[in-house]
Amino acid sequence: MAPADLDVLRACGFDDRAIHDAVQVIAYFNYITRVAEALGVEPEDFIQPWGLDDSVENAF
């Protein structure tokens, strides 16, 4: 991250509060994913992977 990255976000309409909130959420998910991987937590099988819908999944 560099100051120019923040400028891009601000140009897209994010204010400092929105940037702060996004950083907090992203950091939390980064943290909890690393903890889950370190503990060997298996993903739930009822959750469909992002980016796939039934039509794409059934096409293969």
C-alpha atoms as a PDB file:
ATOM      1  CA  MET A   1       0.000   0.000   0.000  1.00  0.00           C
ATOM      2  CA  ALA A   2       1.082   3.499  -0.795  1.00  0.00           C
ATOM      3  CA  PRO A   3      -0.577   6.918  -0.528  1.00  0.00           C
ATOM      4  CA  ALA A   4      -1.481   6.656  -4.229  1.00  0.00           C
ATOM      5  CA  ASP A   5      -3.625   3.593  -3.446  1.00  0.00           C
ATOM      6  CA  LEU A   6      -5.668   5.663  -1.026  1.00  0.00           C
ATOM      7  CA  ASP A   7      -6.057   8.359  -3.675  1.00  0.00           C
ATOM      8  CA  VAL A   8      -7.588   5.770  -6.009  1.00  0.00           C
ATOM      9  CA  LEU A   9     -10.094   4.728  -3.341  1.00  0.00           C
ATOM     10  CA  ARG A  10     -10.998   8.333  -2.618  1.00  0.00           C
ATOM     11  CA  ALA A  11     -11.476   8.970  -6.343  1.00  0.00           C
ATOM     12  CA  CYS A  12     -13.972   6.084  -6.321  1.00  0.00           C
ATOM     13  CA  GLY A  13     -15.975   7.805  -3.584  1.00  0.00           C
ATOM     14  CA  PHE A  14     -14.560   6.201  -0.436  1.00  0.00           C
ATOM     15  CA  ASP A  15     -14.080   8.582   2.477  1.00  0.00           C
ATOM     16  CA  ASP A  16     -11.616   7.956   5.310  1.00  0.00           C
ATOM     17  CA  ARG A  17     -14.254   6.173   7.398  1.00  0.00           C
ATOM     18  CA  ALA A  18     -15.129   3.794   4.550  1.00  0.00           C
ATOM     19  CA  ILE A  19     -11.454   3.043   3.939  1.00  0.00           C
ATOM     20  CA  HIS A  20     -10.931   2.400   7.653  1.00  0.00           C
ATOM     21  CA  ASP A  21     -13.948   0.087   7.831  1.00  0.00           C
ATOM     22  CA  ALA A  22     -12.835  -1.841   4.742  1.00  0.00           C
ATOM     23  CA  VAL A  23      -9.341  -2.292   6.176  1.00  0.00           C
ATOM     24  CA  GLN A  24     -10.799  -3.649   9.421  1.00  0.00           C
ATOM     25  CA  VAL A  25     -13.014  -6.196   7.642  1.00  0.00           C
ATOM     26  CA  ILE A  26     -10.260  -7.296   5.261  1.00  0.00           C
ATOM     27  CA  ALA A  27      -7.770  -7.658   8.120  1.00  0.00           C
ATOM     28  CA  TYR A  28     -10.241  -9.716  10.163  1.00  0.00           C
ATOM     29  CA  PHE A  29     -10.929 -12.140   7.313  1.00  0.00           C
ATOM     30  CA  ASN A  30      -7.191 -12.439   6.638  1.00  0.00           C
ATOM     31  CA  TYR A  31      -6.592 -13.230  10.305  1.00  0.00           C
ATOM     32  CA  ILE A  32      -9.428 -15.714  10.762  1.00  0.00           C
ATOM     33  CA  THR A  33      -8.557 -17.550   7.532  1.00  0.00           C
ATOM     34  CA  ARG A  34      -4.972 -17.998   8.715  1.00  0.00           C
ATOM     35  CA  VAL A  35      -6.154 -19.261  12.103  1.00  0.00           C
ATOM     36  CA  ALA A  36      -8.545 -21.736  10.467  1.00  0.00           C
ATOM     37  CA  GLU A  37      -5.830 -23.008   8.133  1.00  0.00           C
ATOM     38  CA  ALA A  38      -3.340 -23.357  10.995  1.00  0.00           C
ATOM     39  CA  LEU A  39      -5.858 -25.406  12.995  1.00  0.00           C
ATOM     40  CA  GLY A  40      -6.795 -27.574  10.011  1.00  0.00           C
ATOM     41  CA  VAL A  41     -10.420 -26.462   9.940  1.00  0.00           C
ATOM     42  CA  GLU A  42     -12.227 -28.090   7.019  1.00  0.00           C
ATOM     43  CA  PRO A  43     -14.590 -25.881   5.016  1.00  0.00           C
ATOM     44  CA  GLU A  44     -18.277 -26.669   5.298  1.00  0.00           C
ATOM     45  CA  ASP A  45     -19.526 -28.730   2.370  1.00  0.00           C
ATOM     46  CA  PHE A  46     -22.860 -26.896   2.198  1.00  0.00           C
ATOM     47  CA  ILE A  47     -21.255 -23.587   1.187  1.00  0.00           C
ATOM     48  CA  GLN A  48     -20.905 -23.133  -2.559  1.00  0.00           C
ATOM     49  CA  PRO A  49     -17.588 -21.628  -3.770  1.00  0.00           C
ATOM     50  CA  TRP A  50     -17.786 -17.976  -4.807  1.00  0.00           C
ATOM     51  CA  GLY A  51     -18.080 -17.271  -8.496  1.00  0.00           C
ATOM     52  CA  LEU A  52     -19.879 -20.480  -9.319  1.00  0.00           C
ATOM     53  CA  ASP A  53     -23.590 -20.823  -9.799  1.00  0.00           C
ATOM     54  CA  ASP A  54     -25.548 -23.973 -10.553  1.00  0.00           C
ATOM     55  CA  SER A  55     -25.599 -23.364 -14.306  1.00  0.00           C
ATOM     56  CA  VAL A  56     -21.795 -23.137 -14.514  1.00  0.00           C
ATOM     57  CA  GLU A  57     -21.197 -25.990 -12.108  1.00  0.00           C
ATOM     58  CA  ASN A  58     -23.593 -28.324 -13.965  1.00  0.00           C
ATOM     59  CA  ALA A  59     -22.084 -27.435 -17.341  1.00  0.00           C
ATOM     60  CA  PHE A  60     -18.990 -29.539 -16.631  1.00  0.00           C
END
